Protein backbone atom coordinates (compact mmCIF):
# COMPACT_ATOMS: atom_id res chain seq x y z
CA MET A 1 7.46 16.09 -1.27
CA ALA A 2 4.40 15.19 -0.88
CA GLN A 3 5.44 14.14 2.76
CA ASP A 4 7.71 14.76 5.36
CA ASN A 5 7.47 11.12 7.02
CA PRO A 6 6.32 8.87 3.95
CA SER A 7 5.24 5.43 5.15
CA PRO A 8 7.56 1.92 6.06
CA ALA A 9 5.39 1.01 2.72
CA GLU A 10 5.19 3.71 0.22
CA THR A 11 9.25 4.04 1.06
CA MET A 12 9.69 0.64 0.66
CA GLN A 13 7.99 1.06 -2.69
CA ARG A 14 9.39 4.60 -3.74
CA ALA A 15 12.88 1.58 -3.86
CA GLY A 16 11.65 -1.29 -5.16
CA MET A 17 11.08 1.51 -8.13
CA GLY A 18 14.63 2.57 -8.09
CA ALA A 19 16.22 -1.07 -7.63
CA GLY A 20 14.13 -2.19 -10.47
CA LEU A 21 15.46 0.02 -12.71
CA ALA A 22 18.62 0.28 -11.78
CA ILE A 23 18.86 -3.56 -11.77
CA GLY A 24 16.94 -4.19 -15.27
CA MET A 25 19.19 -1.87 -16.86
CA GLY A 26 22.34 -3.53 -15.61
CA VAL A 27 21.91 -6.60 -15.60
CA GLY A 28 20.12 -5.60 -19.69
CA VAL A 29 23.75 -3.78 -20.38
CA ALA A 30 25.75 -6.93 -18.91
CA LEU A 31 23.76 -9.49 -20.61
CA GLY A 32 23.71 -7.47 -24.37
CA VAL A 33 27.34 -7.45 -24.18
CA SER A 34 27.79 -10.50 -23.71
CA LEU A 35 25.06 -11.74 -25.94
CA GLY A 36 26.23 -9.47 -28.33
CA ASN A 37 22.87 -8.49 -28.76
CA MET A 38 21.91 -4.94 -26.95
CA ALA A 39 18.53 -4.77 -27.23
CA LEU A 40 17.41 -8.32 -26.74
CA GLY A 41 19.73 -7.96 -23.59
CA LEU A 42 17.90 -5.03 -22.46
CA GLY A 43 14.40 -6.36 -22.96
CA ILE A 44 15.46 -9.61 -20.77
CA GLY A 45 17.00 -7.17 -18.46
CA ILE A 46 14.29 -4.65 -18.40
CA ALA A 47 11.59 -8.03 -17.94
CA ILE A 48 13.77 -8.56 -14.69
CA GLY A 49 13.75 -4.87 -13.20
CA VAL A 50 9.94 -4.84 -13.93
CA ALA A 51 10.17 -8.50 -11.68
CA VAL A 52 12.24 -6.76 -8.96
CA MET A 53 9.45 -3.67 -8.97
CA ALA A 54 6.50 -6.29 -9.11
CA GLY A 55 8.60 -8.07 -5.70
CA PHE A 56 8.90 -4.45 -3.90
CA ALA A 57 5.57 -3.69 -4.54
CA THR A 58 4.42 -6.92 -3.37
CA GLY A 59 6.15 -6.33 -0.20
CA ALA A 60 5.11 -2.84 0.35
CA SER A 61 1.22 -4.13 -0.05
CA ARG A 62 1.95 -6.39 2.95
CA LEU A 63 3.50 -3.95 5.04
CA ARG A 64 0.86 -1.82 4.27
CA ALA A 65 -1.84 -4.19 5.12
CA GLN A 66 -0.01 -5.13 8.44
CA GLU A 67 0.63 -1.63 9.18
CA HIS A 68 -3.11 -1.31 9.13
CA THR A 69 -4.23 -4.66 11.14
CA ASP A 70 -1.73 -3.58 13.65
CA ALA A 71 -3.36 -0.26 13.69
CA ASP A 72 -6.73 -0.98 14.07
CA ALA A 73 -5.58 -3.84 17.07
CA GLY A 74 -4.20 -0.88 18.93
CA GLU A 75 -6.97 1.17 18.59
CA GLU A 76 -9.21 -2.24 19.94
CA GLY A 77 -6.46 -2.90 22.23
CA GLN A 78 -6.65 0.88 23.77
CA ALA A 79 -11.15 0.94 24.02
CA ASP A 80 -10.58 -2.83 26.05
CA ALA A 81 -7.98 -1.90 27.97
CA ALA A 82 -9.99 1.27 29.56
CA ASP A 83 -13.49 -1.16 29.62
CA ASN A 84 -11.28 -3.14 31.70
CA ASP A 85 -11.97 -2.44 35.90
CA SER A 86 -10.11 -5.60 36.72
CA PRO A 87 -6.15 -4.24 37.67
CA VAL A 88 -4.82 -8.00 37.18
CA ALA A 89 -5.05 -8.99 33.60
CA SER A 90 -6.07 -12.21 32.16
CA THR A 91 -2.85 -14.34 30.82
CA GLY A 92 -4.67 -18.16 30.81
CA THR A 93 -6.00 -20.04 28.18
CA SER A 94 -10.06 -20.99 28.58
CA ASP A 95 -8.85 -24.46 27.00
CA PRO A 96 -7.90 -26.90 29.38
CA ALA A 97 -6.21 -28.77 26.60
CA SER A 98 -3.76 -26.43 25.53
CA ASP A 99 -2.79 -26.52 29.43
CA ASP A 100 -0.93 -29.79 29.04
CA ASP A 101 2.48 -30.25 29.36
CA THR A 102 2.73 -33.16 27.11
CA GLU A 103 5.49 -32.33 24.27
CA THR A 104 3.72 -33.53 21.08
CA GLY A 105 5.26 -34.20 17.37
CA PRO A 106 8.13 -36.90 16.39
CA GLY A 107 9.30 -38.95 19.20
CA SER A 108 6.46 -38.38 21.51
CA ALA A 109 3.18 -40.07 22.20
CA ARG A 110 0.95 -37.75 20.77
CA PRO A 111 0.74 -36.94 17.62
């Protein structure tokens, strides 16, 4: 095995390939038997399996991008914490308009 602890994104991608193959073949055989044409059923099942694999691959790539974003944010957060000499962290925003308690949405005076 190349890695002992693969990332969650890689695990999802590997699981998606297996799940796509299993779902596609299962659906394909069921359709083939019900339609009385195994070749047509397997063709449709393979198409469904490829769609499942693509869905897992898309989810894995989004998870991989999120992991990279989180890792970059963690590095920046550590650098900011090291540069900050103040013992009290700022929790507010600098926009005074966001500090009002006026409700917005349906039924409110403000849009």
